[in-house]
Protein backbone atom coordinates (compact mmCIF):
# COMPACT_ATOMS: atom_id res chain seq x y z
CA MET A 1 117.31 -30.19 -44.43
CA LYS A 2 114.80 -32.30 -43.24
CA GLU A 3 110.95 -32.26 -45.10
CA ILE A 4 108.39 -33.06 -42.71
CA ARG A 5 105.25 -34.54 -44.26
CA PRO A 6 102.00 -33.97 -43.22
CA LEU A 7 100.14 -36.72 -41.16
CA GLY A 8 96.23 -37.28 -40.84
CA SER A 9 96.41 -38.77 -37.52
CA THR A 10 98.15 -41.73 -35.66
CA ASP A 11 97.76 -44.16 -33.12
CA THR A 12 101.04 -45.08 -31.90
CA THR A 13 103.08 -46.62 -29.18
CA LEU A 14 106.86 -45.77 -28.45
CA THR A 15 109.78 -45.39 -25.79
CA VAL A 16 112.08 -42.39 -25.84
CA PRO A 17 115.41 -41.84 -24.79
CA GLY A 18 116.38 -41.72 -21.13
CA SER A 19 115.98 -38.14 -19.28
CA LYS A 20 119.10 -35.71 -20.67
CA SER A 21 118.49 -34.27 -16.97
CA LEU A 22 118.72 -37.28 -14.90
CA THR A 23 121.40 -38.71 -16.53
CA GLN A 24 124.09 -36.04 -16.16
CA ARG A 25 122.76 -35.52 -12.14
CA ALA A 26 123.64 -39.42 -11.66
CA LEU A 27 126.82 -39.09 -13.88
CA ILE A 28 127.72 -36.69 -11.12
CA ALA A 29 126.83 -38.07 -8.31
CA ALA A 30 128.05 -41.59 -9.17
CA ALA A 31 131.39 -40.17 -10.11
CA LEU A 32 131.92 -38.47 -6.60
CA ALA A 33 130.56 -41.79 -5.41
CA ASN A 34 133.00 -44.32 -3.63
CA GLY A 35 133.30 -47.16 -6.01
CA GLU A 36 131.03 -48.78 -8.83
CA SER A 37 127.43 -47.15 -9.97
CA ILE A 38 125.98 -48.86 -12.73
CA LEU A 39 123.31 -46.25 -14.81
CA GLN A 40 120.70 -48.20 -16.70
CA TYR A 41 119.13 -46.37 -19.88
CA PRO A 42 120.83 -43.69 -19.95
CA LEU A 43 120.54 -41.06 -22.60
CA ALA A 44 123.42 -41.21 -25.22
CA SER A 45 123.65 -38.43 -26.68
CA GLU A 46 125.90 -35.18 -27.81
CA ASP A 47 125.57 -33.66 -24.21
CA THR A 48 126.05 -36.67 -22.13
CA GLU A 49 129.23 -37.56 -24.14
CA TYR A 50 130.26 -33.87 -23.60
CA THR A 51 129.88 -34.87 -19.64
CA SER A 52 131.48 -37.97 -19.95
CA HIS A 53 134.51 -37.27 -21.27
CA ALA A 54 135.01 -34.24 -18.74
CA LEU A 55 135.13 -36.96 -15.95
CA ALA A 56 137.59 -38.69 -17.76
CA ALA A 57 140.07 -35.94 -17.88
CA MET A 58 139.05 -35.55 -14.11
CA GLY A 59 139.94 -38.99 -13.57
CA ILE A 60 136.87 -40.91 -13.78
CA THR A 61 136.15 -43.48 -15.82
CA VAL A 62 132.64 -43.97 -17.65
CA GLU A 63 132.23 -47.46 -19.43
CA PRO A 64 129.27 -46.86 -22.00
CA GLY A 65 127.31 -49.79 -22.92
CA GLN A 66 124.19 -50.61 -24.85
CA GLU A 67 121.51 -50.16 -22.18
CA GLN A 68 123.65 -49.60 -18.89
CA TRP A 69 127.00 -47.12 -17.90
CA ARG A 70 129.46 -48.31 -15.67
CA VAL A 71 130.98 -45.27 -13.51
CA GLN A 72 133.98 -45.72 -11.06
CA GLY A 73 133.48 -43.24 -8.89
CA LYS A 74 136.39 -41.78 -6.34
CA GLY A 75 135.31 -40.68 -3.53
CA GLY A 76 135.35 -37.07 -4.57
CA ALA A 77 138.80 -36.94 -5.49
CA ILE A 78 139.60 -35.11 -8.75
CA ALA A 79 142.07 -35.30 -10.48
CA THR A 80 143.84 -32.09 -12.76
CA PRO A 81 143.15 -32.30 -16.37
CA ALA A 82 146.03 -31.85 -18.46
CA ARG A 83 144.36 -29.65 -21.37
CA GLU A 84 141.22 -26.85 -20.91
CA ILE A 85 137.68 -29.14 -21.17
CA PHE A 86 135.33 -28.17 -23.57
CA LEU A 87 132.04 -28.88 -23.35
CA GLY A 88 130.38 -27.10 -26.51
CA ASN A 89 126.72 -25.58 -25.62
CA ASN A 90 126.08 -27.92 -23.02
CA GLY A 91 124.98 -25.35 -20.56
CA THR A 92 124.34 -28.22 -17.92
CA ALA A 93 127.43 -29.89 -17.88
CA THR A 94 129.40 -26.09 -17.92
CA ARG A 95 127.66 -24.90 -14.91
CA PHE A 96 127.89 -28.56 -13.16
CA LEU A 97 131.58 -29.34 -13.80
CA THR A 98 132.64 -25.84 -12.90
CA SER A 99 131.42 -26.83 -9.41
CA VAL A 100 132.92 -30.09 -9.50
CA ALA A 101 136.24 -28.89 -10.88
CA ALA A 102 136.47 -26.55 -7.75
CA LEU A 103 136.87 -30.02 -5.21
CA GLY A 104 140.13 -30.40 -7.23
CA HIS A 105 143.36 -29.29 -6.56
CA GLY A 106 145.25 -27.59 -9.75
CA ASP A 107 144.41 -25.31 -12.36
CA PHE A 108 141.05 -25.79 -14.42
CA THR A 109 139.54 -24.21 -17.85
CA ILE A 110 135.98 -24.71 -18.36
CA ASN A 111 135.15 -23.42 -21.93
CA GLY A 112 132.65 -24.35 -24.34
CA ASP A 113 131.76 -22.61 -28.15
CA ALA A 114 130.64 -19.50 -29.06
CA ARG A 115 126.95 -19.58 -27.52
CA MET A 116 128.37 -20.51 -24.45
CA HIS A 117 130.58 -17.81 -24.61
CA GLU A 118 127.27 -15.87 -24.36
CA ARG A 119 125.29 -17.57 -21.19
CA PRO A 120 125.96 -16.18 -17.94
CA ILE A 121 127.46 -18.23 -15.06
CA LYS A 122 128.12 -15.20 -12.65
CA PRO A 123 125.92 -15.99 -10.34
CA LEU A 124 127.34 -19.70 -9.82
CA MET A 125 130.85 -17.95 -9.72
CA LYS A 126 129.92 -15.73 -6.93
CA ALA A 127 128.25 -18.25 -5.22
CA LEU A 128 131.98 -20.37 -5.05
CA SER A 129 133.79 -18.03 -4.24
CA GLY A 130 131.80 -17.47 -1.02
CA TRP A 131 132.83 -21.36 -0.30
CA GLY A 132 136.35 -20.23 -0.72
CA VAL A 133 136.67 -21.15 -4.73
CA ASP A 134 138.91 -19.10 -6.69
CA ILE A 135 137.21 -18.39 -9.71
CA ARG A 136 137.09 -15.93 -12.87
CA SER A 137 135.84 -15.78 -16.20
CA VAL A 138 138.60 -15.46 -18.53
CA HIS A 139 137.54 -12.86 -20.50
CA ASN A 140 135.93 -11.21 -17.63
CA THR A 141 132.48 -11.25 -18.96
CA GLY A 142 130.65 -13.77 -16.13
CA CYS A 143 130.47 -15.74 -19.20
CA PRO A 144 132.68 -18.88 -19.96
CA PRO A 145 135.22 -19.68 -20.34
CA VAL A 146 136.14 -20.18 -17.03
CA ALA A 147 139.36 -20.47 -14.46
CA ILE A 148 139.65 -22.02 -11.38
CA ALA A 149 142.46 -22.43 -9.25
CA ALA A 150 140.85 -25.33 -7.43
CA HIS A 151 141.98 -26.38 -3.79
CA GLY A 152 138.98 -27.62 -2.39
CA ILE A 153 135.47 -26.16 -1.50
CA LYS A 154 135.74 -24.58 2.07
CA GLY A 155 131.77 -24.91 2.60
CA GLY A 156 130.07 -23.00 5.12
CA LYS A 157 127.27 -20.61 4.23
CA THR A 158 127.14 -18.62 0.66
CA LEU A 159 124.69 -16.87 -1.28
CA LEU A 160 123.61 -17.62 -4.94
CA PRO A 161 122.59 -14.26 -6.03
CA GLU A 162 120.31 -14.76 -8.45
CA GLY A 163 117.21 -18.15 -9.47
CA LYS A 164 116.83 -17.81 -13.16
CA SER A 165 119.08 -20.57 -14.02
CA SER A 166 118.31 -23.78 -11.66
CA GLN A 167 121.32 -25.48 -12.93
CA TYR A 168 123.25 -22.79 -10.83
CA LEU A 169 121.60 -24.51 -7.77
CA SER A 170 121.79 -27.90 -8.65
CA SER A 171 125.64 -27.71 -9.18
CA LEU A 172 125.93 -26.48 -5.86
CA LEU A 173 124.04 -28.77 -4.15
CA LEU A 174 125.43 -31.71 -6.08
CA VAL A 175 129.37 -30.97 -4.86
CA ALA A 176 128.27 -29.69 -1.28
CA PRO A 177 128.65 -32.51 0.51
CA TYR A 178 132.11 -32.68 -0.45
CA ALA A 179 133.08 -29.19 1.24
CA ALA A 180 135.69 -29.23 4.16
CA GLN A 181 132.76 -27.46 6.44
CA PRO A 182 128.76 -28.49 6.36
CA ALA A 183 127.48 -26.36 3.81
CA GLU A 184 124.92 -23.65 3.88
CA LEU A 185 123.14 -22.20 1.09
CA THR A 186 120.69 -19.26 0.35
CA VAL A 187 119.25 -17.86 -2.95
CA ALA A 188 118.42 -14.58 -3.54
CA GLY A 189 115.18 -13.58 -5.55
CA GLU A 190 112.55 -16.18 -6.83
CA VAL A 191 113.67 -19.87 -7.54
CA LEU A 192 112.35 -20.77 -11.52
CA SER A 193 112.10 -24.30 -12.47
CA LYS A 194 112.13 -25.90 -9.21
CA PRO A 195 110.83 -29.25 -10.67
CA TYR A 196 114.90 -29.43 -12.04
CA VAL A 197 116.03 -28.62 -7.93
CA THR A 198 113.40 -31.10 -6.84
CA MET A 199 115.14 -33.34 -9.00
CA THR A 200 118.77 -33.11 -7.99
CA LEU A 201 117.63 -33.26 -4.67
CA ALA A 202 115.79 -36.59 -5.30
CA VAL A 203 119.06 -37.82 -7.31
CA MET A 204 120.97 -36.78 -4.19
CA LYS A 205 118.71 -38.95 -2.28
CA ASP A 206 119.07 -42.07 -4.21
CA PHE A 207 122.96 -41.42 -4.03
CA GLY A 208 122.68 -41.69 -0.16
CA ILE A 209 122.84 -37.73 0.87
CA ALA A 210 119.55 -36.48 2.23
CA VAL A 211 119.60 -32.67 1.65
CA THR A 212 117.37 -30.32 4.41
CA ALA A 213 115.47 -27.87 1.83
CA ASN A 214 112.55 -25.19 3.18
CA THR A 215 109.47 -25.50 1.04
CA GLU A 216 110.39 -22.01 -1.53
CA LEU A 217 113.41 -24.14 -2.09
CA ASN A 218 115.56 -21.17 -1.43
CA HIS A 219 117.97 -22.46 2.11
CA PHE A 220 119.37 -25.33 1.76
CA ILE A 221 121.71 -27.27 4.56
CA ILE A 222 123.64 -29.96 3.07
CA PRO A 223 125.31 -32.78 4.99
CA GLN A 224 128.94 -33.44 5.05
CA GLY A 225 129.18 -37.31 3.19
CA CYS A 226 130.12 -39.31 0.44
CA TYR A 227 127.71 -40.65 -2.03
CA GLN A 228 127.00 -44.32 -2.15
CA ALA A 229 127.79 -46.40 -5.42
CA ARG A 230 124.51 -48.01 -6.48
CA ASN A 231 122.59 -49.20 -9.50
CA TYR A 232 120.41 -46.19 -10.74
CA ALA A 233 117.57 -46.52 -13.62
CA VAL A 234 116.96 -43.58 -15.40
CA GLU A 235 113.56 -42.61 -16.84
CA GLY A 236 112.63 -41.59 -20.13
CA ASP A 237 113.31 -38.14 -20.69
CA ALA A 238 109.56 -35.92 -20.41
CA SER A 239 111.10 -33.24 -22.45
CA SER A 240 111.76 -35.77 -25.72
CA ALA A 241 108.54 -37.76 -25.05
CA SER A 242 106.77 -33.85 -24.94
CA TYR A 243 106.97 -33.98 -28.89
CA PHE A 244 105.15 -37.05 -29.49
CA TRP A 245 102.77 -36.09 -27.06
CA ALA A 246 102.12 -32.89 -29.00
CA ALA A 247 101.71 -34.60 -32.28
CA ALA A 248 98.85 -36.25 -31.01
CA ALA A 249 97.42 -33.12 -29.78
CA VAL A 250 97.86 -31.17 -33.48
CA THR A 251 96.22 -34.38 -35.45
CA GLY A 252 93.96 -35.29 -32.95
CA GLY A 253 95.74 -38.89 -32.78
CA ARG A 254 96.65 -41.02 -30.41
CA VAL A 255 100.41 -41.30 -28.73
CA THR A 256 101.68 -43.83 -25.86
CA VAL A 257 105.04 -42.81 -24.45
CA ALA A 258 105.30 -45.95 -22.49
CA ASN A 259 108.43 -45.31 -20.42
CA VAL A 260 107.98 -41.85 -18.84
CA PRO A 261 106.67 -42.86 -15.59
CA SER A 262 103.97 -41.31 -13.55
CA PRO A 263 104.53 -39.71 -11.38
CA SER A 264 107.55 -38.27 -12.76
CA LEU A 265 110.94 -37.01 -10.99
CA GLN A 266 110.60 -34.66 -14.41
CA GLY A 267 108.75 -31.30 -14.20
CA ASP A 268 108.26 -31.58 -18.10
CA ALA A 269 105.95 -34.28 -17.59
CA VAL A 270 103.37 -31.92 -16.48
CA LEU A 271 102.94 -30.83 -20.44
CA VAL A 272 99.97 -33.58 -20.75
CA ASP A 273 98.29 -31.82 -17.85
CA ILE A 274 98.46 -28.64 -20.10
CA LEU A 275 97.35 -30.55 -22.89
CA ALA A 276 94.74 -31.99 -21.11
CA ARG A 277 93.29 -28.54 -20.36
CA MET A 278 93.65 -27.45 -23.96
CA GLY A 279 91.15 -30.20 -24.71
CA CYS A 280 93.26 -33.42 -24.87
CA THR A 281 92.43 -36.55 -23.33
CA VAL A 282 95.68 -37.84 -20.87
CA GLU A 283 95.46 -41.88 -19.53
CA ARG A 284 98.38 -42.98 -17.20
CA SER A 285 98.83 -46.73 -16.89
CA ALA A 286 101.14 -49.38 -16.81
CA ALA A 287 101.52 -49.04 -20.32
CA GLY A 288 102.83 -45.29 -19.95
CA ILE A 289 101.23 -41.90 -20.41
CA THR A 290 99.41 -41.71 -23.73
CA VAL A 291 97.75 -38.33 -25.25
CA THR A 292 94.33 -38.46 -27.40
CA GLY A 293 94.22 -35.04 -29.39
CA SER A 294 90.66 -33.14 -29.65
CA LYS A 295 88.89 -31.89 -32.75
CA GLU A 296 89.26 -28.63 -31.42
CA LEU A 297 92.41 -27.54 -28.97
CA ARG A 298 91.64 -24.57 -26.64
CA GLY A 299 94.20 -21.67 -26.34
CA ILE A 300 95.38 -21.01 -22.39
CA GLU A 301 97.07 -18.74 -20.50
CA VAL A 302 99.51 -20.81 -18.25
CA ASP A 303 102.95 -20.02 -16.41
CA MET A 304 105.77 -21.81 -17.78
CA GLY A 305 108.43 -20.62 -15.20
CA ASP A 306 109.30 -24.37 -14.14
CA CYS A 307 108.76 -26.41 -17.34
CA PRO A 308 111.14 -23.75 -19.69
CA ASP A 309 112.00 -26.33 -21.98
CA VAL A 310 108.78 -27.57 -23.43
CA VAL A 311 108.00 -23.92 -23.97
CA PRO A 312 108.66 -24.58 -27.81
CA THR A 313 106.29 -27.72 -28.08
CA LEU A 314 103.53 -25.97 -26.40
CA ALA A 315 104.02 -22.67 -28.28
CA VAL A 316 103.61 -24.97 -31.86
CA VAL A 317 100.83 -26.86 -30.20
CA ALA A 318 98.83 -23.11 -29.20
CA SER A 319 99.20 -22.04 -33.05
CA PHE A 320 96.61 -24.62 -34.18
CA ALA A 321 94.71 -24.03 -30.86
CA LYS A 322 91.23 -21.61 -31.41
CA GLY A 323 91.88 -18.64 -29.31
CA ARG A 324 94.33 -17.08 -27.55
CA THR A 325 97.39 -18.67 -25.65
CA VAL A 326 99.55 -16.42 -23.27
CA ILE A 327 102.47 -18.53 -21.91
CA LYS A 328 104.47 -16.38 -19.41
CA ASN A 329 107.53 -16.32 -16.95
CA ILE A 330 109.79 -17.16 -19.36
CA ALA A 331 111.90 -14.61 -19.80
CA HIS A 332 115.01 -17.61 -18.72
CA LEU A 333 114.33 -18.94 -22.14
CA ARG A 334 116.10 -15.85 -23.51
CA ILE A 335 119.92 -17.70 -21.75
CA LYS A 336 119.44 -20.96 -23.35
CA GLU A 337 120.95 -22.97 -26.54
CA CYS A 338 119.95 -19.94 -28.28
CA ASP A 339 116.84 -17.25 -27.47
CA ARG A 340 114.12 -19.36 -27.56
CA LEU A 341 111.48 -16.61 -26.76
CA HIS A 342 112.92 -14.48 -29.80
CA VAL A 343 113.25 -17.59 -32.44
CA MET A 344 109.95 -18.96 -31.66
CA VAL A 345 107.98 -15.75 -32.62
CA THR A 346 110.33 -15.45 -35.73
CA GLU A 347 110.06 -18.58 -37.10
CA LEU A 348 106.06 -19.04 -36.60
CA ALA A 349 105.96 -15.85 -38.19
CA LYS A 350 107.41 -17.68 -41.65
CA LEU A 351 104.55 -20.05 -41.23
CA GLY A 352 101.33 -17.16 -40.83
CA ILE A 353 100.92 -17.66 -37.49
CA LYS A 354 100.42 -14.59 -35.15
CA ALA A 355 102.86 -14.60 -32.33
CA GLU A 356 103.87 -11.51 -30.02
CA GLU A 357 106.99 -11.07 -28.53
CA ARG A 358 107.10 -9.84 -24.33
CA PRO A 359 110.26 -9.49 -22.23
CA ASP A 360 108.89 -12.45 -20.61
CA ALA A 361 106.12 -14.03 -22.22
CA ILE A 362 104.65 -14.95 -26.01
CA ILE A 363 101.31 -14.17 -27.04
CA ILE A 364 100.09 -16.84 -29.59
CA GLU A 365 96.93 -15.98 -31.48
CA GLY A 366 95.17 -19.03 -32.54
CA ARG A 367 94.22 -20.88 -36.07
CA GLU A 368 91.11 -18.49 -36.62
CA ALA A 369 93.34 -15.08 -36.50
CA ASN A 370 95.93 -16.56 -38.79
CA SER A 371 95.59 -16.58 -42.81
CA PRO A 372 96.10 -19.77 -44.52
CA LEU A 373 99.23 -21.24 -43.01
CA LEU A 374 101.92 -22.14 -45.50
CA GLY A 375 105.32 -23.57 -45.48
CA ALA A 376 108.68 -22.31 -45.01
CA GLU A 377 112.38 -23.14 -44.31
CA ILE A 378 112.54 -23.24 -40.15
CA ASP A 379 116.02 -21.90 -38.77
CA THR A 380 116.91 -24.14 -36.16
CA TYR A 381 119.97 -21.84 -34.56
CA ASN A 382 121.58 -25.15 -33.77
CA ASP A 383 118.98 -25.50 -31.34
CA HIS A 384 117.53 -28.94 -30.47
CA ARG A 385 114.11 -28.12 -29.51
CA ILE A 386 113.43 -25.50 -31.97
CA ALA A 387 114.10 -28.27 -34.71
CA MET A 388 112.05 -30.99 -33.20
CA SER A 389 109.30 -28.42 -32.35
CA PHE A 390 108.93 -26.77 -35.47
CA ALA A 391 108.60 -31.25 -36.88
CA VAL A 392 105.11 -31.16 -35.03
CA ALA A 393 103.98 -28.15 -36.61
CA GLY A 394 104.97 -29.91 -39.84
CA LEU A 395 102.69 -32.75 -39.13
CA VAL A 396 100.24 -30.26 -39.83
CA VAL A 397 101.38 -27.44 -42.23
CA PRO A 398 102.38 -28.74 -45.73
CA GLY A 399 105.92 -27.76 -46.72
CA VAL A 400 107.84 -27.44 -43.56
CA ARG A 401 111.31 -27.90 -44.13
CA ILE A 402 113.86 -28.03 -40.84
CA LYS A 403 117.33 -26.54 -41.63
CA GLU A 404 120.63 -28.25 -39.71
CA GLU A 405 118.21 -31.13 -38.68
CA LYS A 406 120.87 -32.90 -36.84
CA CYS A 407 121.22 -30.64 -34.53
CA VAL A 408 118.84 -33.15 -32.80
CA VAL A 409 121.62 -34.96 -31.79
CA LYS A 410 122.43 -32.97 -28.58
CA SER A 411 119.50 -34.52 -26.41
CA PHE A 412 117.45 -37.55 -28.92
CA PRO A 413 120.35 -38.53 -31.60
CA ASP A 414 117.70 -41.14 -33.13
CA PHE A 415 114.91 -38.43 -33.36
CA TRP A 416 114.25 -38.53 -37.12
CA LYS A 417 113.98 -42.39 -36.90
CA ARG A 418 111.66 -42.49 -33.93
CA PHE A 419 109.63 -39.78 -35.31
CA GLU A 420 108.96 -41.85 -38.37
CA LEU A 421 106.81 -43.98 -36.06
CA LEU A 422 104.18 -41.32 -35.96
CA TYR A 423 103.59 -42.45 -39.81
CA ARG A 424 103.10 -46.33 -38.97
């Protein structure tokens, strides 16, 4: 258990690890490229380790180093693994590698932990079936484990029946250049988390494949081709940076994250603009992105459909603002590492913060509506983002204790070490 010490204020400059989202996309593109790619400043974490080990089981060599990894791409050739591929609770890798496995020739099983068995994958399965892939949910639940009798991807037209998880869409896009026929992909319904789709398209373009997409990001024409091996630099992770920008917001301090660029490929970098709406000052320069907190944060109404991973961070900041904050269009938080929408309301209540759970929204009453806040033990539900966001609450509320704090290894292994930099 980790007890958080309250912090009067801070004036800190730091860096964060490489983007998890960019690292995982670049790993897939490099693995499917022909030749050696070098990934600079990738994220070394539990999730990316799962991805690397799975690629190794499929015949792709990933050589990790201190600040760069070498990936020996096989031009789209995928070996049949000797055993099932286990990916823990790594939703991104589970969705991405399901499609990668379909490029192979042989039997593949993609599995995960108990929570992954509850996280849906049926829309991706239906879209892959439309491209001629023989795929099934082993327990007929529409969730992992999935079994693939792989014989390559036929291509042509297919339909992704929903866009609630951008990971389905990104998974299909990443493998589509290797289809036997030119691939065309349509998405039914609203596409959520669009910045992650834009990120995928940007990585594909950087590795030599340009996709034609409409402005709504629900129709794509993907040319046949092979990714080109290259050197690729990974941006600092904006989701990881969010906790430090939030620390500035709630303490009235100043924090610069030096390695998240502006503009960024990552949609979660929009959090700084949201903090500006709440009263913070934001500066962008060659030194990085700086947030300076306000003496009086104000509540807002905001649609977070495109950047769900920073909702827990924002919910904590909103708890110390004046007035009500409404965070809407976030039903897809329920299929993350835990039901983050429900969990945030539950754990905020332990601190004395009034929050209401709606089917697709959280309503948080600001500080003047709450009784004096009290410390509490925060259950993390083995979810890294719950642990890190409530660490920010502990900077203001004495006695906040984070249970199972090591769950941060999923995306930010040295989070607690870097968090201490706020106290310098």
